[in-house]
Amino acid sequence: MMTNPTETTFIEAAIDSEALLFGEFTLKSGRISPYFFNAGKMVQGKTLSELAACYADTIQASGLEFDVLFGPAYKGISLAALTASALYERHGIDKPFAYNRKEKKDHGEGGQLVGADIQGKKLLVIDDVITAGTAIKEVSELINGTGAKISGVVIGLDRQEKGRTDLSAIAQIQKDFDITIKSIIQLADIVDYLSNNAQHDTIKRINEYRAIYGVSE
C-alpha cells in the first residue's frame, strides 16, 4: 500500500528532522519500543512549514466543525499557531487560536487561558500524539464553566497501541469524551512507508512490537 502525499510529507519531514527515530527506546509506560516520535525535534523553518501544511490538509479533509484551534501547553501551542496560519494560506479557512499556561498568571490578563475568546465555542485541539490522554483531560477541566466544548482533536501520529485497557488510548479518549480524533498518520502508514523503502529489519521489529501491544482500528 502506498501512503498518500500528506502522509509521505509528514513521515519524511519527521525522519529528516530526527523527530522519528528507529532503534530501541524505553517509553514512559516501560514498554521497549522499536521507534520513537518527538515533534519537538521539528524546528527548522522548512520542516515547520511542511508540518503545518499536513495539519491543515488533514483538518480540511476531516470535515470537523470548530470555531477555535486550541493548543495544549507546551507543544500544542506552536502547532496550533502554525496550523491556524496554514489553514488560511492553503484553504482560506480563517480561524483564531487559543492555548493554556501550565500555571495560572495573577497579573496582566491573568488566568490560564490565552488567545482567542473560547466562551461558548467549539474547540479543535491540536497536539502531536496521544499517549494517556492527559492533555485532553486537562483541556476539558480548563474549559469547564466557559460553555466551550471540545469538538475534535487532530494529532500527528496515532501509535495504534493499547492504552490502559485493550482499547487504544485514542479509542478510549473518544469513548470517554465523545469526541472525534483524527491523525495525520498511523503506525500502519509508517510500516507502509518503510516497506516501500525496503526497510525490512525495522518492519520486523515494529510488527513484533505490534503483536504484543498493537490494536487494529
N, C-alpha and C. Protein backbone atom coordinates (compact mmCIF):
# COMPACT_ATOMS: atom_id res chain seq x y z
N MET A 1 0.84 -1.19 0.00
CA MET A 1 0.00 0.00 0.00
C MET A 1 0.89 1.25 0.00
N MET A 2 0.47 2.25 -0.76
CA MET A 2 1.22 3.49 -0.83
C MET A 2 0.63 4.52 0.13
N THR A 3 1.48 5.25 0.82
CA THR A 3 1.00 6.35 1.64
C THR A 3 0.59 7.50 0.73
N ASN A 4 -0.38 8.32 1.17
CA ASN A 4 -0.78 9.45 0.34
C ASN A 4 0.23 10.59 0.50
N PRO A 5 0.16 11.64 -0.34
CA PRO A 5 1.18 12.70 -0.28
C PRO A 5 1.31 13.37 1.08
N THR A 6 0.20 13.60 1.77
CA THR A 6 0.28 14.22 3.09
C THR A 6 1.01 13.33 4.07
N GLU A 7 0.69 12.04 4.06
CA GLU A 7 1.35 11.09 4.95
C GLU A 7 2.84 11.00 4.64
N THR A 8 3.18 10.94 3.35
CA THR A 8 4.58 10.84 2.95
C THR A 8 5.35 12.08 3.38
N THR A 9 4.77 13.26 3.15
CA THR A 9 5.42 14.52 3.56
C THR A 9 5.69 14.52 5.05
N PHE A 10 4.70 14.12 5.83
CA PHE A 10 4.84 14.11 7.29
C PHE A 10 5.93 13.14 7.73
N ILE A 11 5.91 11.93 7.21
CA ILE A 11 6.89 10.91 7.60
C ILE A 11 8.30 11.35 7.22
N GLU A 12 8.48 11.85 6.02
CA GLU A 12 9.82 12.25 5.57
C GLU A 12 10.33 13.46 6.34
N ALA A 13 9.45 14.39 6.65
CA ALA A 13 9.85 15.55 7.46
C ALA A 13 10.25 15.10 8.85
N ALA A 14 9.51 14.15 9.40
CA ALA A 14 9.82 13.63 10.74
C ALA A 14 11.15 12.87 10.76
N ILE A 15 11.40 12.08 9.73
CA ILE A 15 12.66 11.33 9.65
C ILE A 15 13.84 12.28 9.44
N ASP A 16 13.68 13.23 8.52
CA ASP A 16 14.77 14.17 8.21
C ASP A 16 15.16 15.01 9.43
N SER A 17 14.19 15.34 10.27
CA SER A 17 14.46 16.16 11.45
C SER A 17 14.80 15.32 12.68
N GLU A 18 14.84 14.01 12.51
CA GLU A 18 15.09 13.06 13.60
C GLU A 18 14.01 13.13 14.68
N ALA A 19 12.83 13.58 14.28
CA ALA A 19 11.68 13.51 15.18
C ALA A 19 11.14 12.09 15.23
N LEU A 20 11.38 11.34 14.16
CA LEU A 20 11.00 9.93 14.10
C LEU A 20 12.28 9.11 13.99
N LEU A 21 12.53 8.32 15.03
CA LEU A 21 13.74 7.51 15.09
C LEU A 21 13.39 6.03 15.21
N PHE A 22 14.29 5.20 14.73
CA PHE A 22 14.11 3.76 14.83
C PHE A 22 15.29 3.16 15.59
N GLY A 23 14.99 2.19 16.46
CA GLY A 23 16.03 1.58 17.29
C GLY A 23 15.40 0.89 18.47
N GLU A 24 15.81 1.25 19.68
CA GLU A 24 15.24 0.67 20.90
C GLU A 24 15.08 1.79 21.93
N PHE A 25 13.84 2.04 22.32
CA PHE A 25 13.54 3.18 23.18
C PHE A 25 12.61 2.74 24.32
N THR A 26 12.96 3.13 25.54
CA THR A 26 12.12 2.85 26.68
C THR A 26 11.12 3.98 26.85
N LEU A 27 9.82 3.67 26.76
CA LEU A 27 8.77 4.67 26.88
C LEU A 27 8.43 4.89 28.36
N LYS A 28 7.67 5.95 28.63
CA LYS A 28 7.25 6.23 30.00
C LYS A 28 6.48 5.06 30.59
N SER A 29 5.77 4.34 29.72
CA SER A 29 4.99 3.18 30.16
C SER A 29 5.87 2.00 30.55
N GLY A 30 7.17 2.08 30.23
CA GLY A 30 8.08 0.97 30.48
C GLY A 30 8.22 0.04 29.29
N ARG A 31 7.39 0.23 28.28
CA ARG A 31 7.48 -0.60 27.08
C ARG A 31 8.74 -0.26 26.29
N ILE A 32 9.34 -1.28 25.68
CA ILE A 32 10.52 -1.09 24.84
C ILE A 32 10.04 -1.00 23.40
N SER A 33 10.10 0.19 22.84
CA SER A 33 9.54 0.44 21.51
C SER A 33 10.64 0.47 20.45
N PRO A 34 10.36 -0.06 19.25
CA PRO A 34 11.34 -0.02 18.16
C PRO A 34 11.36 1.31 17.41
N TYR A 35 10.52 2.24 17.84
CA TYR A 35 10.54 3.57 17.22
C TYR A 35 10.14 4.61 18.26
N PHE A 36 10.48 5.87 17.97
CA PHE A 36 10.15 6.95 18.89
C PHE A 36 9.83 8.20 18.09
N PHE A 37 8.76 8.90 18.50
CA PHE A 37 8.37 10.13 17.80
C PHE A 37 8.32 11.28 18.78
N ASN A 38 8.99 12.38 18.42
CA ASN A 38 9.01 13.59 19.24
C ASN A 38 8.92 14.80 18.32
N ALA A 39 7.72 15.38 18.20
CA ALA A 39 7.51 16.51 17.29
C ALA A 39 8.34 17.72 17.70
N GLY A 40 8.82 17.75 18.94
CA GLY A 40 9.65 18.86 19.39
C GLY A 40 10.96 18.97 18.64
N LYS A 41 11.35 17.93 17.91
CA LYS A 41 12.58 17.95 17.12
C LYS A 41 12.38 18.65 15.77
N MET A 42 11.13 18.92 15.41
CA MET A 42 10.84 19.54 14.12
C MET A 42 10.89 21.05 14.30
N VAL A 43 12.10 21.61 14.11
CA VAL A 43 12.33 23.01 14.47
C VAL A 43 12.75 23.90 13.31
N GLN A 44 13.15 23.32 12.20
CA GLN A 44 13.59 24.13 11.06
C GLN A 44 12.39 24.76 10.35
N GLY A 45 12.62 25.94 9.74
CA GLY A 45 11.53 26.63 9.05
C GLY A 45 10.85 25.78 7.99
N LYS A 46 11.63 25.10 7.16
CA LYS A 46 11.07 24.25 6.10
C LYS A 46 10.22 23.14 6.70
N THR A 47 10.75 22.49 7.72
CA THR A 47 10.04 21.37 8.36
C THR A 47 8.75 21.85 9.00
N LEU A 48 8.81 23.00 9.68
CA LEU A 48 7.61 23.53 10.32
C LEU A 48 6.54 23.89 9.29
N SER A 49 6.96 24.41 8.15
CA SER A 49 6.02 24.73 7.08
C SER A 49 5.35 23.46 6.56
N GLU A 50 6.13 22.40 6.39
CA GLU A 50 5.58 21.12 5.93
C GLU A 50 4.64 20.53 6.98
N LEU A 51 5.06 20.64 8.23
CA LEU A 51 4.26 20.11 9.34
C LEU A 51 2.90 20.82 9.40
N ALA A 52 2.93 22.15 9.33
CA ALA A 52 1.69 22.93 9.38
C ALA A 52 0.77 22.58 8.22
N ALA A 53 1.36 22.39 7.04
CA ALA A 53 0.56 22.03 5.87
C ALA A 53 -0.13 20.69 6.07
N CYS A 54 0.56 19.75 6.68
CA CYS A 54 -0.02 18.42 6.93
C CYS A 54 -1.21 18.51 7.89
N TYR A 55 -1.05 19.31 8.96
CA TYR A 55 -2.16 19.50 9.89
C TYR A 55 -3.34 20.18 9.19
N ALA A 56 -3.05 21.23 8.43
CA ALA A 56 -4.11 21.98 7.76
C ALA A 56 -4.87 21.10 6.77
N ASP A 57 -4.14 20.32 5.98
CA ASP A 57 -4.79 19.46 4.98
C ASP A 57 -5.61 18.36 5.64
N THR A 58 -5.11 17.83 6.76
CA THR A 58 -5.85 16.80 7.48
C THR A 58 -7.14 17.36 8.06
N ILE A 59 -7.08 18.57 8.61
CA ILE A 59 -8.27 19.22 9.16
C ILE A 59 -9.28 19.51 8.06
N GLN A 60 -8.80 20.05 6.94
CA GLN A 60 -9.70 20.39 5.84
C GLN A 60 -10.42 19.14 5.32
N ALA A 61 -9.69 18.03 5.23
CA ALA A 61 -10.28 16.79 4.72
C ALA A 61 -11.19 16.10 5.74
N SER A 62 -11.03 16.44 7.01
CA SER A 62 -11.77 15.73 8.07
C SER A 62 -13.24 16.11 8.15
N GLY A 63 -13.55 17.33 7.75
CA GLY A 63 -14.93 17.81 7.87
C GLY A 63 -15.32 18.18 9.29
N LEU A 64 -14.37 18.21 10.20
CA LEU A 64 -14.65 18.57 11.59
C LEU A 64 -15.09 20.04 11.67
N GLU A 65 -16.11 20.31 12.47
CA GLU A 65 -16.58 21.68 12.65
C GLU A 65 -15.99 22.26 13.94
N PHE A 66 -15.50 23.49 13.86
CA PHE A 66 -14.88 24.12 15.04
C PHE A 66 -14.86 25.62 14.87
N ASP A 67 -14.71 26.32 15.99
CA ASP A 67 -14.61 27.78 15.99
C ASP A 67 -13.19 28.26 16.30
N VAL A 68 -12.50 27.51 17.15
CA VAL A 68 -11.18 27.93 17.63
C VAL A 68 -10.24 26.73 17.65
N LEU A 69 -9.00 26.93 17.19
CA LEU A 69 -7.95 25.92 17.37
C LEU A 69 -7.38 26.09 18.77
N PHE A 70 -7.18 24.99 19.47
CA PHE A 70 -6.65 25.06 20.84
C PHE A 70 -5.39 24.23 20.94
N GLY A 71 -4.32 24.88 21.45
CA GLY A 71 -3.05 24.19 21.61
C GLY A 71 -2.71 23.96 23.07
N PRO A 72 -2.74 22.72 23.53
CA PRO A 72 -2.36 22.45 24.94
C PRO A 72 -0.88 22.71 25.16
N ALA A 73 -0.55 23.35 26.28
CA ALA A 73 0.85 23.61 26.61
C ALA A 73 1.59 22.27 26.79
N TYR A 74 2.81 22.12 26.24
CA TYR A 74 3.52 23.18 25.56
C TYR A 74 3.60 22.97 24.04
N LYS A 75 3.79 21.75 23.59
CA LYS A 75 3.98 21.51 22.16
C LYS A 75 2.78 21.95 21.34
N GLY A 76 1.60 21.82 21.91
CA GLY A 76 0.39 22.16 21.17
C GLY A 76 0.28 23.63 20.84
N ILE A 77 0.97 24.49 21.59
CA ILE A 77 0.86 25.94 21.37
C ILE A 77 1.39 26.31 19.99
N SER A 78 2.63 25.92 19.70
CA SER A 78 3.20 26.26 18.39
C SER A 78 2.47 25.52 17.27
N LEU A 79 2.05 24.30 17.53
CA LEU A 79 1.33 23.54 16.50
C LEU A 79 0.02 24.23 16.12
N ALA A 80 -0.70 24.73 17.11
CA ALA A 80 -1.97 25.40 16.84
C ALA A 80 -1.74 26.70 16.08
N ALA A 81 -0.73 27.47 16.46
CA ALA A 81 -0.43 28.73 15.77
C ALA A 81 -0.04 28.47 14.32
N LEU A 82 0.84 27.52 14.09
CA LEU A 82 1.26 27.18 12.73
C LEU A 82 0.09 26.69 11.90
N THR A 83 -0.75 25.88 12.50
CA THR A 83 -1.89 25.32 11.78
C THR A 83 -2.90 26.39 11.41
N ALA A 84 -3.14 27.35 12.30
CA ALA A 84 -4.07 28.44 12.01
C ALA A 84 -3.60 29.20 10.77
N SER A 85 -2.30 29.47 10.70
CA SER A 85 -1.74 30.18 9.56
C SER A 85 -1.87 29.35 8.27
N ALA A 86 -1.52 28.07 8.35
CA ALA A 86 -1.58 27.20 7.17
C ALA A 86 -3.00 26.97 6.69
N LEU A 87 -3.96 26.89 7.61
CA LEU A 87 -5.36 26.73 7.22
C LEU A 87 -5.82 27.89 6.35
N TYR A 88 -5.41 29.09 6.73
CA TYR A 88 -5.81 30.27 5.94
C TYR A 88 -5.08 30.30 4.60
N GLU A 89 -3.78 30.07 4.63
CA GLU A 89 -2.98 30.17 3.42
C GLU A 89 -3.34 29.09 2.40
N ARG A 90 -3.63 27.88 2.87
CA ARG A 90 -3.86 26.76 1.96
C ARG A 90 -5.34 26.57 1.60
N HIS A 91 -6.23 26.92 2.53
CA HIS A 91 -7.64 26.59 2.32
C HIS A 91 -8.60 27.76 2.53
N GLY A 92 -8.07 28.93 2.85
CA GLY A 92 -8.92 30.08 3.06
C GLY A 92 -9.80 29.97 4.29
N ILE A 93 -9.41 29.09 5.22
CA ILE A 93 -10.15 28.90 6.48
C ILE A 93 -9.51 29.79 7.53
N ASP A 94 -10.22 30.82 7.97
CA ASP A 94 -9.67 31.81 8.88
C ASP A 94 -10.21 31.59 10.30
N LYS A 95 -9.43 30.91 11.11
CA LYS A 95 -9.85 30.60 12.48
C LYS A 95 -8.80 31.10 13.48
N PRO A 96 -9.23 31.57 14.64
CA PRO A 96 -8.29 32.00 15.68
C PRO A 96 -7.76 30.81 16.47
N PHE A 97 -6.77 31.07 17.30
CA PHE A 97 -6.28 30.00 18.17
C PHE A 97 -6.15 30.50 19.60
N ALA A 98 -6.19 29.56 20.50
CA ALA A 98 -6.02 29.82 21.93
C ALA A 98 -5.15 28.72 22.51
N TYR A 99 -4.66 28.98 23.72
CA TYR A 99 -3.83 27.97 24.37
C TYR A 99 -3.88 28.19 25.87
N ASN A 100 -3.28 27.27 26.60
CA ASN A 100 -3.26 27.39 28.06
C ASN A 100 -1.84 27.51 28.59
N ARG A 101 -1.73 28.11 29.75
CA ARG A 101 -0.49 28.09 30.51
C ARG A 101 -0.54 26.89 31.45
N LYS A 102 0.62 26.43 31.83
CA LYS A 102 0.67 25.34 32.81
C LYS A 102 0.26 25.83 34.20
N GLU A 103 0.57 27.12 34.48
CA GLU A 103 0.24 27.68 35.79
C GLU A 103 -0.56 28.97 35.60
N LYS A 104 -1.41 29.28 36.55
CA LYS A 104 -2.21 30.50 36.48
C LYS A 104 -1.32 31.72 36.62
N LYS A 105 -1.69 32.78 35.89
CA LYS A 105 -1.00 34.06 35.97
C LYS A 105 -1.86 35.01 36.77
N ASP A 106 -1.27 35.67 37.79
CA ASP A 106 -2.08 36.52 38.66
C ASP A 106 -1.92 38.01 38.36
N HIS A 107 -1.31 38.34 37.20
CA HIS A 107 -1.22 39.74 36.79
C HIS A 107 -1.51 39.83 35.29
N GLY A 108 -1.57 41.04 34.74
CA GLY A 108 -1.93 41.19 33.34
C GLY A 108 -3.34 40.68 33.11
N GLU A 109 -3.50 39.89 32.05
CA GLU A 109 -4.84 39.35 31.78
C GLU A 109 -5.21 38.21 32.71
N GLY A 110 -4.22 37.66 33.43
CA GLY A 110 -4.48 36.63 34.43
C GLY A 110 -4.97 35.31 33.84
N GLY A 111 -5.17 34.35 34.74
CA GLY A 111 -5.74 33.07 34.35
C GLY A 111 -4.77 32.16 33.62
N GLN A 112 -5.31 31.06 33.09
CA GLN A 112 -4.52 30.08 32.38
C GLN A 112 -4.80 30.05 30.89
N LEU A 113 -5.91 30.62 30.46
CA LEU A 113 -6.29 30.59 29.05
C LEU A 113 -5.83 31.87 28.35
N VAL A 114 -5.21 31.72 27.20
CA VAL A 114 -4.63 32.84 26.46
C VAL A 114 -5.08 32.77 25.01
N GLY A 115 -5.21 33.94 24.38
CA GLY A 115 -5.54 33.98 22.96
C GLY A 115 -7.01 34.25 22.72
N ALA A 116 -7.57 33.59 21.73
CA ALA A 116 -8.96 33.82 21.33
C ALA A 116 -9.93 33.53 22.47
N ASP A 117 -11.04 34.27 22.48
CA ASP A 117 -12.11 34.03 23.44
C ASP A 117 -12.77 32.70 23.10
N ILE A 118 -12.83 31.80 24.08
CA ILE A 118 -13.41 30.48 23.82
C ILE A 118 -14.81 30.32 24.40
N GLN A 119 -15.35 31.37 24.98
CA GLN A 119 -16.67 31.28 25.62
C GLN A 119 -17.71 30.74 24.64
N GLY A 120 -18.29 29.60 24.98
CA GLY A 120 -19.35 29.02 24.17
C GLY A 120 -18.90 28.48 22.82
N LYS A 121 -17.60 28.37 22.59
CA LYS A 121 -17.07 27.98 21.28
C LYS A 121 -16.76 26.48 21.20
N LYS A 122 -16.69 26.01 19.95
CA LYS A 122 -16.28 24.63 19.67
C LYS A 122 -14.78 24.63 19.40
N LEU A 123 -14.05 23.84 20.20
CA LEU A 123 -12.59 23.83 20.12
C LEU A 123 -12.08 22.60 19.37
N LEU A 124 -11.11 22.84 18.49
CA LEU A 124 -10.39 21.74 17.85
C LEU A 124 -9.00 21.71 18.46
N VAL A 125 -8.72 20.68 19.22
CA VAL A 125 -7.43 20.56 19.93
C VAL A 125 -6.37 20.02 18.97
N ILE A 126 -5.20 20.68 18.98
CA ILE A 126 -4.08 20.28 18.12
C ILE A 126 -2.93 19.82 19.00
N ASP A 127 -2.43 18.60 18.75
CA ASP A 127 -1.31 18.08 19.55
C ASP A 127 -0.48 17.14 18.70
N ASP A 128 0.62 16.62 19.26
CA ASP A 128 1.49 15.75 18.47
C ASP A 128 1.06 14.29 18.55
N VAL A 129 0.91 13.78 19.76
CA VAL A 129 0.48 12.38 19.96
C VAL A 129 -0.46 12.33 21.16
N ILE A 130 -1.15 11.21 21.28
CA ILE A 130 -1.93 10.94 22.49
C ILE A 130 -1.39 9.64 23.07
N THR A 131 -0.86 9.74 24.28
CA THR A 131 -0.35 8.55 24.95
C THR A 131 -1.34 8.06 26.00
N ALA A 132 -1.65 8.93 26.96
CA ALA A 132 -2.62 8.56 28.00
C ALA A 132 -3.83 9.49 28.00
N GLY A 133 -3.83 10.47 27.10
CA GLY A 133 -4.95 11.40 27.03
C GLY A 133 -4.90 12.49 28.08
N THR A 134 -3.74 12.68 28.71
CA THR A 134 -3.62 13.65 29.79
C THR A 134 -3.96 15.07 29.33
N ALA A 135 -3.44 15.47 28.16
CA ALA A 135 -3.68 16.82 27.66
C ALA A 135 -5.16 17.07 27.42
N ILE A 136 -5.86 16.07 26.90
CA ILE A 136 -7.29 16.23 26.61
C ILE A 136 -8.07 16.39 27.92
N LYS A 137 -7.70 15.60 28.90
CA LYS A 137 -8.36 15.72 30.21
C LYS A 137 -8.11 17.09 30.82
N GLU A 138 -6.89 17.60 30.69
CA GLU A 138 -6.57 18.92 31.24
C GLU A 138 -7.34 20.02 30.53
N VAL A 139 -7.45 19.92 29.20
CA VAL A 139 -8.21 20.93 28.45
C VAL A 139 -9.67 20.89 28.86
N SER A 140 -10.21 19.68 29.02
CA SER A 140 -11.61 19.53 29.42
C SER A 140 -11.88 20.20 30.77
N GLU A 141 -10.93 20.03 31.69
CA GLU A 141 -11.08 20.65 33.02
C GLU A 141 -10.93 22.17 32.94
N LEU A 142 -10.00 22.64 32.10
CA LEU A 142 -9.75 24.08 31.98
C LEU A 142 -10.96 24.83 31.43
N ILE A 143 -11.66 24.22 30.48
CA ILE A 143 -12.77 24.93 29.83
C ILE A 143 -14.09 24.73 30.56
N ASN A 144 -14.07 23.95 31.63
CA ASN A 144 -15.29 23.74 32.41
C ASN A 144 -15.81 25.08 32.92
N GLY A 145 -17.04 25.38 32.62
CA GLY A 145 -17.63 26.63 33.06
C GLY A 145 -17.57 27.74 32.03
N THR A 146 -16.89 27.50 30.91
CA THR A 146 -16.79 28.52 29.86
C THR A 146 -17.89 28.37 28.81
N GLY A 147 -18.56 27.23 28.83
CA GLY A 147 -19.56 26.96 27.80
C GLY A 147 -18.93 26.41 26.53
N ALA A 148 -17.58 26.35 26.51
CA ALA A 148 -16.88 25.79 25.35
C ALA A 148 -16.91 24.27 25.43
N LYS A 149 -16.72 23.63 24.28
CA LYS A 149 -16.65 22.17 24.24
C LYS A 149 -15.60 21.75 23.22
N ILE A 150 -15.01 20.61 23.47
CA ILE A 150 -14.05 20.04 22.52
C ILE A 150 -14.84 19.34 21.43
N SER A 151 -14.71 19.82 20.19
CA SER A 151 -15.45 19.20 19.09
C SER A 151 -14.63 18.14 18.38
N GLY A 152 -13.32 18.15 18.60
CA GLY A 152 -12.46 17.16 17.97
C GLY A 152 -11.01 17.39 18.34
N VAL A 153 -10.18 16.45 17.95
CA VAL A 153 -8.73 16.52 18.21
C VAL A 153 -8.01 16.07 16.94
N VAL A 154 -6.95 16.78 16.58
CA VAL A 154 -6.10 16.36 15.47
C VAL A 154 -4.67 16.22 15.99
N ILE A 155 -4.08 15.05 15.76
CA ILE A 155 -2.72 14.78 16.22
C ILE A 155 -1.85 14.36 15.03
N GLY A 156 -0.54 14.34 15.27
CA GLY A 156 0.37 13.93 14.22
C GLY A 156 0.39 12.44 14.00
N LEU A 157 0.58 11.68 15.09
CA LEU A 157 0.76 10.24 14.99
C LEU A 157 -0.17 9.48 15.91
N ASP A 158 -0.83 8.50 15.35
CA ASP A 158 -1.61 7.52 16.12
C ASP A 158 -0.75 6.26 16.22
N ARG A 159 -0.28 5.95 17.45
CA ARG A 159 0.59 4.78 17.64
C ARG A 159 -0.16 3.46 17.46
N GLN A 160 -1.50 3.50 17.42
CA GLN A 160 -2.31 2.27 17.28
C GLN A 160 -1.89 1.23 18.32
N GLU A 161 -1.84 1.70 19.57
CA GLU A 161 -1.29 0.89 20.65
C GLU A 161 -2.25 0.85 21.83
N LYS A 162 -2.30 -0.27 22.51
CA LYS A 162 -3.16 -0.42 23.67
C LYS A 162 -2.80 0.60 24.74
N GLY A 163 -3.84 1.14 25.38
CA GLY A 163 -3.63 2.04 26.49
C GLY A 163 -3.77 1.28 27.79
N ARG A 164 -4.61 1.80 28.70
CA ARG A 164 -4.80 1.13 29.99
C ARG A 164 -5.78 -0.03 29.91
N THR A 165 -6.47 -0.17 28.76
CA THR A 165 -7.36 -1.30 28.51
C THR A 165 -6.96 -1.91 27.17
N ASP A 166 -7.78 -2.82 26.66
CA ASP A 166 -7.49 -3.38 25.35
C ASP A 166 -7.77 -2.39 24.23
N LEU A 167 -8.46 -1.28 24.57
CA LEU A 167 -8.64 -0.21 23.61
C LEU A 167 -7.36 0.62 23.50
N SER A 168 -7.16 1.25 22.36
CA SER A 168 -6.04 2.18 22.24
C SER A 168 -6.35 3.41 23.08
N ALA A 169 -5.31 4.19 23.38
CA ALA A 169 -5.52 5.43 24.13
C ALA A 169 -6.49 6.33 23.38
N ILE A 170 -6.36 6.37 22.05
CA ILE A 170 -7.25 7.22 21.24
C ILE A 170 -8.68 6.74 21.32
N ALA A 171 -8.90 5.44 21.15
CA ALA A 171 -10.26 4.90 21.22
C ALA A 171 -10.88 5.14 22.59
N GLN A 172 -10.06 5.03 23.64
CA GLN A 172 -10.56 5.24 25.00
C GLN A 172 -10.98 6.69 25.20
N ILE A 173 -10.16 7.63 24.72
CA ILE A 173 -10.48 9.06 24.84
C ILE A 173 -11.73 9.40 24.04
N GLN A 174 -11.83 8.84 22.84
CA GLN A 174 -13.03 9.08 22.02
C GLN A 174 -14.28 8.60 22.74
N LYS A 175 -14.15 7.45 23.40
CA LYS A 175 -15.28 6.89 24.14
C LYS A 175 -15.60 7.72 25.38
N ASP A 176 -14.57 8.09 26.14
CA ASP A 176 -14.76 8.80 27.41
C ASP A 176 -15.32 10.21 27.20
N PHE A 177 -14.87 10.89 26.14
CA PHE A 177 -15.23 12.30 25.94
C PHE A 177 -16.20 12.51 24.78
N ASP A 178 -16.56 11.44 24.10
CA ASP A 178 -17.49 11.51 22.97
C ASP A 178 -17.01 12.54 21.94
N ILE A 179 -15.77 12.40 21.52
CA ILE A 179 -15.18 13.30 20.53
C ILE A 179 -14.53 12.47 19.42
N THR A 180 -14.28 13.13 18.29
CA THR A 180 -13.59 12.50 17.17
C THR A 180 -12.12 12.90 17.18
N ILE A 181 -11.25 11.92 17.01
CA ILE A 181 -9.82 12.18 16.94
C ILE A 181 -9.30 11.75 15.57
N LYS A 182 -8.62 12.66 14.91
CA LYS A 182 -8.02 12.38 13.61
C LYS A 182 -6.51 12.48 13.73
N SER A 183 -5.80 11.66 12.97
CA SER A 183 -4.34 11.74 12.96
C SER A 183 -3.86 11.90 11.53
N ILE A 184 -2.72 12.58 11.40
CA ILE A 184 -2.12 12.73 10.07
C ILE A 184 -1.64 11.36 9.58
N ILE A 185 -0.96 10.64 10.45
CA ILE A 185 -0.52 9.28 10.11
C ILE A 185 -0.82 8.33 11.26
N GLN A 186 -0.85 7.05 10.93
CA GLN A 186 -0.91 5.98 11.92
C GLN A 186 0.37 5.16 11.81
N LEU A 187 0.61 4.32 12.80
CA LEU A 187 1.79 3.46 12.75
C LEU A 187 1.78 2.62 11.47
N ALA A 188 0.61 2.19 11.05
CA ALA A 188 0.50 1.38 9.83
C ALA A 188 1.04 2.13 8.61
N ASP A 189 0.89 3.46 8.59
CA ASP A 189 1.41 4.25 7.47
C ASP A 189 2.94 4.27 7.48
N ILE A 190 3.51 4.30 8.69
CA ILE A 190 4.97 4.23 8.79
C ILE A 190 5.47 2.89 8.26
N VAL A 191 4.77 1.82 8.61
CA VAL A 191 5.15 0.48 8.13
C VAL A 191 5.06 0.43 6.60
N ASP A 192 3.99 1.00 6.03
CA ASP A 192 3.85 1.03 4.58
C ASP A 192 5.01 1.80 3.93
N TYR A 193 5.35 2.93 4.53
CA TYR A 193 6.44 3.74 4.01
C TYR A 193 7.76 2.96 4.06
N LEU A 194 8.02 2.31 5.18
CA LEU A 194 9.25 1.53 5.32
C LEU A 194 9.27 0.37 4.33
N SER A 195 8.11 -0.23 4.10
CA SER A 195 8.02 -1.33 3.14
C SER A 195 8.36 -0.85 1.74
N ASN A 196 7.85 0.32 1.38
CA ASN A 196 8.15 0.88 0.06
C ASN A 196 9.63 1.22 -0.10
N ASN A 197 10.32 1.37 1.04
CA ASN A 197 11.74 1.70 1.03
C ASN A 197 12.61 0.53 1.49
N ALA A 198 12.02 -0.66 1.48
CA ALA A 198 12.75 -1.91 1.74
C ALA A 198 13.46 -1.95 3.09
N GLN A 199 12.82 -1.36 4.11
CA GLN A 199 13.41 -1.38 5.47
C GLN A 199 12.86 -2.58 6.24
N HIS A 200 13.23 -3.77 5.79
CA HIS A 200 12.59 -4.99 6.28
C HIS A 200 12.92 -5.31 7.74
N ASP A 201 14.15 -5.05 8.18
CA ASP A 201 14.51 -5.34 9.58
C ASP A 201 13.72 -4.47 10.54
N THR A 202 13.56 -3.20 10.20
CA THR A 202 12.80 -2.30 11.05
C THR A 202 11.33 -2.70 11.09
N ILE A 203 10.80 -3.08 9.93
CA ILE A 203 9.40 -3.54 9.86
C ILE A 203 9.21 -4.77 10.74
N LYS A 204 10.17 -5.68 10.72
CA LYS A 204 10.08 -6.90 11.53
C LYS A 204 9.98 -6.54 13.01
N ARG A 205 10.82 -5.61 13.47
CA ARG A 205 10.81 -5.22 14.89
C ARG A 205 9.49 -4.52 15.26
N ILE A 206 9.00 -3.67 14.36
CA ILE A 206 7.73 -2.99 14.63
C ILE A 206 6.59 -3.98 14.69
N ASN A 207 6.57 -4.94 13.78
CA ASN A 207 5.49 -5.93 13.77
C ASN A 207 5.53 -6.83 15.00
N GLU A 208 6.71 -7.11 15.51
CA GLU A 208 6.83 -7.89 16.75
C GLU A 208 6.26 -7.09 17.92
N TYR A 209 6.53 -5.80 17.93
CA TYR A 209 6.00 -4.91 18.98
C TYR A 209 4.48 -4.82 18.86
N ARG A 210 3.98 -4.67 17.64
CA ARG A 210 2.53 -4.57 17.41
C ARG A 210 1.80 -5.85 17.81
N ALA A 211 2.47 -6.99 17.66
CA ALA A 211 1.84 -8.25 18.04
C ALA A 211 1.55 -8.30 19.53
N ILE A 212 2.33 -7.57 20.33
CA ILE A 212 2.12 -7.55 21.79
C ILE A 212 1.20 -6.40 22.20
N TYR A 213 1.47 -5.21 21.68
CA TYR A 213 0.79 -4.01 22.17
C TYR A 213 -0.17 -3.36 21.18
N GLY A 214 -0.17 -3.83 19.96
CA GLY A 214 -0.95 -3.16 18.93
C GLY A 214 -2.44 -3.40 19.00
N VAL A 215 -3.17 -2.49 18.38
CA VAL A 215 -4.61 -2.63 18.21
C VAL A 215 -4.91 -2.36 16.74
N SER A 216 -6.01 -2.89 16.25
CA SER A 216 -6.43 -2.59 14.88
C SER A 216 -7.63 -1.67 14.95
N GLU A 217 -7.54 -0.54 14.26
CA GLU A 217 -8.60 0.46 14.29
C GLU A 217 -8.96 0.87 12.87
